[in-house]
Amino acid sequence: MAKKSRRARRRRATRGAVKGGTVSKPGDRTEVEVAAGPRPATSGFTEQYAYVYDDLKRIAILAGTLFAVLIALSFLIQ
């Protein structure tokens, strides 16, 4: 059985919510507006995670170099 998504859980939780002091009935399908908190000011991913790209590039270069050394050693040590 698959897990239910957060959206489905949120919809199920808002169906029985109280709106305007009255309790909604099971057959009543009124939409409840969920107040969102203040959004933090965000900039693009490239600005925030530029160091991650540099680190990944460094790791890829190092891995490629070590892989080439292993291949060269496999020919030398036969």
N, C-alpha and C. Protein backbone atom coordinates (compact mmCIF):
# COMPACT_ATOMS: atom_id res chain seq x y z
N MET A 1 0.84 -1.17 0.00
CA MET A 1 0.00 0.00 0.00
C MET A 1 0.89 1.24 0.00
N ALA A 2 0.64 2.15 -0.89
CA ALA A 2 1.48 3.33 -1.03
C ALA A 2 1.18 4.35 0.07
N LYS A 3 2.18 5.15 0.39
CA LYS A 3 1.99 6.20 1.37
C LYS A 3 1.13 7.30 0.78
N LYS A 4 0.41 7.99 1.64
CA LYS A 4 -0.38 9.11 1.18
C LYS A 4 0.48 10.35 1.17
N SER A 5 0.27 11.16 0.18
CA SER A 5 1.08 12.37 0.06
C SER A 5 0.66 13.40 1.10
N ARG A 6 1.50 14.38 1.29
CA ARG A 6 1.18 15.44 2.24
C ARG A 6 -0.05 16.21 1.80
N ARG A 7 -0.20 16.36 0.48
CA ARG A 7 -1.35 17.10 -0.03
C ARG A 7 -2.64 16.37 0.33
N ALA A 8 -2.64 15.05 0.20
CA ALA A 8 -3.84 14.27 0.52
C ALA A 8 -4.14 14.35 2.01
N ARG A 9 -3.09 14.29 2.84
CA ARG A 9 -3.31 14.40 4.28
C ARG A 9 -3.85 15.77 4.65
N ARG A 10 -3.33 16.81 3.99
CA ARG A 10 -3.77 18.17 4.28
C ARG A 10 -5.22 18.35 3.88
N ARG A 11 -5.60 17.78 2.71
CA ARG A 11 -6.99 17.89 2.27
C ARG A 11 -7.91 17.18 3.24
N ARG A 12 -7.50 16.01 3.71
CA ARG A 12 -8.33 15.25 4.64
C ARG A 12 -8.47 15.98 5.96
N ALA A 13 -7.39 16.66 6.41
CA ALA A 13 -7.43 17.37 7.67
C ALA A 13 -8.30 18.62 7.59
N THR A 14 -8.36 19.25 6.43
CA THR A 14 -9.13 20.49 6.31
C THR A 14 -10.61 20.24 6.07
N ARG A 15 -11.00 19.04 5.72
CA ARG A 15 -12.42 18.77 5.46
C ARG A 15 -13.27 18.92 6.72
N GLY A 16 -12.77 18.51 7.86
CA GLY A 16 -13.54 18.59 9.10
C GLY A 16 -13.19 19.82 9.91
N ALA A 17 -12.59 20.81 9.32
CA ALA A 17 -12.15 22.00 10.06
C ALA A 17 -13.32 22.90 10.39
N VAL A 18 -13.11 23.73 11.37
CA VAL A 18 -14.12 24.71 11.80
C VAL A 18 -13.92 25.97 10.99
N LYS A 19 -15.03 26.50 10.44
CA LYS A 19 -14.95 27.73 9.66
C LYS A 19 -16.04 28.68 10.13
N GLY A 20 -15.63 29.84 10.58
CA GLY A 20 -16.59 30.86 11.00
C GLY A 20 -17.38 30.47 12.24
N GLY A 21 -16.86 29.62 13.08
CA GLY A 21 -17.53 29.25 14.31
C GLY A 21 -18.50 28.11 14.16
N THR A 22 -18.73 27.61 12.95
CA THR A 22 -19.63 26.49 12.76
C THR A 22 -18.84 25.27 12.32
N VAL A 23 -19.31 24.13 12.73
CA VAL A 23 -18.64 22.88 12.36
C VAL A 23 -19.19 22.43 11.02
N SER A 24 -18.29 22.09 10.11
CA SER A 24 -18.75 21.65 8.79
C SER A 24 -19.26 20.22 8.89
N LYS A 25 -20.24 19.91 8.06
CA LYS A 25 -20.83 18.57 8.03
C LYS A 25 -19.99 17.68 7.14
N PRO A 26 -20.07 16.36 7.31
CA PRO A 26 -19.26 15.46 6.49
C PRO A 26 -19.49 15.62 4.99
N GLY A 27 -20.72 15.94 4.56
CA GLY A 27 -21.01 16.10 3.14
C GLY A 27 -20.66 17.48 2.62
N ASP A 28 -20.40 18.43 3.51
CA ASP A 28 -20.10 19.81 3.12
C ASP A 28 -18.66 19.90 2.62
N ARG A 29 -18.48 20.38 1.43
CA ARG A 29 -17.14 20.45 0.84
C ARG A 29 -16.69 21.91 0.71
N THR A 30 -16.59 22.59 1.79
CA THR A 30 -16.11 23.97 1.75
C THR A 30 -14.60 23.96 1.83
N GLU A 31 -13.97 24.83 1.10
CA GLU A 31 -12.52 24.94 1.11
C GLU A 31 -12.08 25.82 2.27
N VAL A 32 -11.10 25.36 2.98
CA VAL A 32 -10.54 26.12 4.09
C VAL A 32 -9.21 26.68 3.64
N GLU A 33 -9.05 27.97 3.82
CA GLU A 33 -7.81 28.61 3.42
C GLU A 33 -6.79 28.46 4.53
N VAL A 34 -5.64 27.89 4.17
CA VAL A 34 -4.57 27.70 5.14
C VAL A 34 -3.63 28.88 5.03
N ALA A 35 -3.44 29.56 6.15
CA ALA A 35 -2.58 30.74 6.14
C ALA A 35 -1.12 30.31 6.07
N ALA A 36 -0.43 30.83 5.10
CA ALA A 36 1.00 30.52 4.96
C ALA A 36 1.80 31.54 5.76
N GLY A 37 2.87 31.06 6.35
CA GLY A 37 3.73 31.95 7.12
C GLY A 37 4.51 32.87 6.20
N PRO A 38 5.22 33.79 6.75
CA PRO A 38 6.01 34.69 5.91
C PRO A 38 7.09 33.92 5.17
N ARG A 39 7.24 34.22 3.90
CA ARG A 39 8.24 33.54 3.09
C ARG A 39 9.58 34.22 3.28
N PRO A 40 10.61 33.45 3.50
CA PRO A 40 11.93 34.05 3.62
C PRO A 40 12.40 34.56 2.26
N ALA A 41 13.13 35.64 2.29
CA ALA A 41 13.67 36.18 1.05
C ALA A 41 14.78 35.26 0.57
N THR A 42 14.57 34.66 -0.60
CA THR A 42 15.56 33.72 -1.12
C THR A 42 16.09 34.22 -2.44
N SER A 43 17.31 33.91 -2.69
CA SER A 43 17.89 34.20 -3.99
C SER A 43 18.03 32.89 -4.74
N GLY A 44 18.58 32.93 -5.92
CA GLY A 44 18.69 31.73 -6.75
C GLY A 44 19.60 30.69 -6.14
N PHE A 45 19.41 29.45 -6.61
CA PHE A 45 20.24 28.35 -6.11
C PHE A 45 21.70 28.54 -6.46
N THR A 46 21.95 29.15 -7.62
CA THR A 46 23.34 29.32 -8.02
C THR A 46 24.10 30.21 -7.06
N GLU A 47 23.44 31.21 -6.55
CA GLU A 47 24.11 32.11 -5.61
C GLU A 47 24.32 31.44 -4.25
N GLN A 48 23.31 30.70 -3.80
CA GLN A 48 23.39 30.09 -2.48
C GLN A 48 24.30 28.88 -2.44
N TYR A 49 24.35 28.11 -3.51
CA TYR A 49 25.07 26.85 -3.49
C TYR A 49 26.24 26.82 -4.46
N ALA A 50 26.87 27.95 -4.68
CA ALA A 50 28.02 28.01 -5.58
C ALA A 50 29.17 27.15 -5.04
N TYR A 51 29.33 27.11 -3.74
CA TYR A 51 30.40 26.32 -3.14
C TYR A 51 30.17 24.83 -3.36
N VAL A 52 28.93 24.39 -3.45
CA VAL A 52 28.64 22.98 -3.68
C VAL A 52 29.10 22.57 -5.08
N TYR A 53 28.86 23.42 -6.06
CA TYR A 53 29.29 23.14 -7.42
C TYR A 53 30.81 23.02 -7.47
N ASP A 54 31.51 23.93 -6.81
CA ASP A 54 32.97 23.86 -6.77
C ASP A 54 33.46 22.58 -6.11
N ASP A 55 32.82 22.19 -5.02
CA ASP A 55 33.21 20.96 -4.34
C ASP A 55 32.96 19.73 -5.20
N LEU A 56 31.82 19.70 -5.89
CA LEU A 56 31.52 18.56 -6.76
C LEU A 56 32.50 18.47 -7.92
N LYS A 57 32.88 19.62 -8.45
CA LYS A 57 33.86 19.63 -9.54
C LYS A 57 35.20 19.11 -9.05
N ARG A 58 35.61 19.51 -7.85
CA ARG A 58 36.87 19.05 -7.28
C ARG A 58 36.84 17.55 -7.03
N ILE A 59 35.73 17.04 -6.54
CA ILE A 59 35.58 15.60 -6.28
C ILE A 59 35.64 14.82 -7.59
N ALA A 60 34.98 15.32 -8.64
CA ALA A 60 34.99 14.64 -9.93
C ALA A 60 36.39 14.58 -10.52
N ILE A 61 37.14 15.67 -10.41
CA ILE A 61 38.51 15.69 -10.92
C ILE A 61 39.38 14.69 -10.15
N LEU A 62 39.24 14.70 -8.84
CA LEU A 62 40.02 13.78 -8.01
C LEU A 62 39.67 12.32 -8.32
N ALA A 63 38.38 12.02 -8.46
CA ALA A 63 37.96 10.65 -8.75
C ALA A 63 38.47 10.21 -10.12
N GLY A 64 38.40 11.09 -11.10
CA GLY A 64 38.90 10.76 -12.43
C GLY A 64 40.39 10.50 -12.43
N THR A 65 41.13 11.32 -11.69
CA THR A 65 42.58 11.14 -11.59
C THR A 65 42.92 9.81 -10.92
N LEU A 66 42.28 9.51 -9.83
CA LEU A 66 42.54 8.24 -9.13
C LEU A 66 42.15 7.04 -9.99
N PHE A 67 41.08 7.16 -10.73
CA PHE A 67 40.67 6.07 -11.62
C PHE A 67 41.71 5.86 -12.71
N ALA A 68 42.24 6.94 -13.28
CA ALA A 68 43.28 6.83 -14.30
C ALA A 68 44.54 6.20 -13.72
N VAL A 69 44.89 6.53 -12.48
CA VAL A 69 46.07 5.94 -11.83
C VAL A 69 45.86 4.44 -11.64
N LEU A 70 44.67 4.05 -11.24
CA LEU A 70 44.38 2.62 -11.07
C LEU A 70 44.50 1.86 -12.39
N ILE A 71 44.01 2.45 -13.46
CA ILE A 71 44.12 1.79 -14.77
C ILE A 71 45.58 1.68 -15.18
N ALA A 72 46.35 2.76 -14.99
CA ALA A 72 47.77 2.73 -15.35
C ALA A 72 48.51 1.68 -14.52
N LEU A 73 48.22 1.58 -13.24
CA LEU A 73 48.87 0.59 -12.39
C LEU A 73 48.47 -0.84 -12.76
N SER A 74 47.25 -1.02 -13.24
CA SER A 74 46.84 -2.37 -13.63
C SER A 74 47.66 -2.85 -14.83
N PHE A 75 48.10 -1.97 -15.72
CA PHE A 75 48.93 -2.37 -16.84
C PHE A 75 50.37 -2.61 -16.40
N LEU A 76 50.84 -1.85 -15.43
CA LEU A 76 52.22 -1.98 -14.97
C LEU A 76 52.45 -3.20 -14.08
N ILE A 77 51.48 -3.60 -13.32
CA ILE A 77 51.65 -4.67 -12.34
C ILE A 77 51.03 -5.97 -12.84
N GLN A 78 51.33 -6.42 -14.01
CA GLN A 78 50.78 -7.68 -14.50
C GLN A 78 51.71 -8.80 -14.34
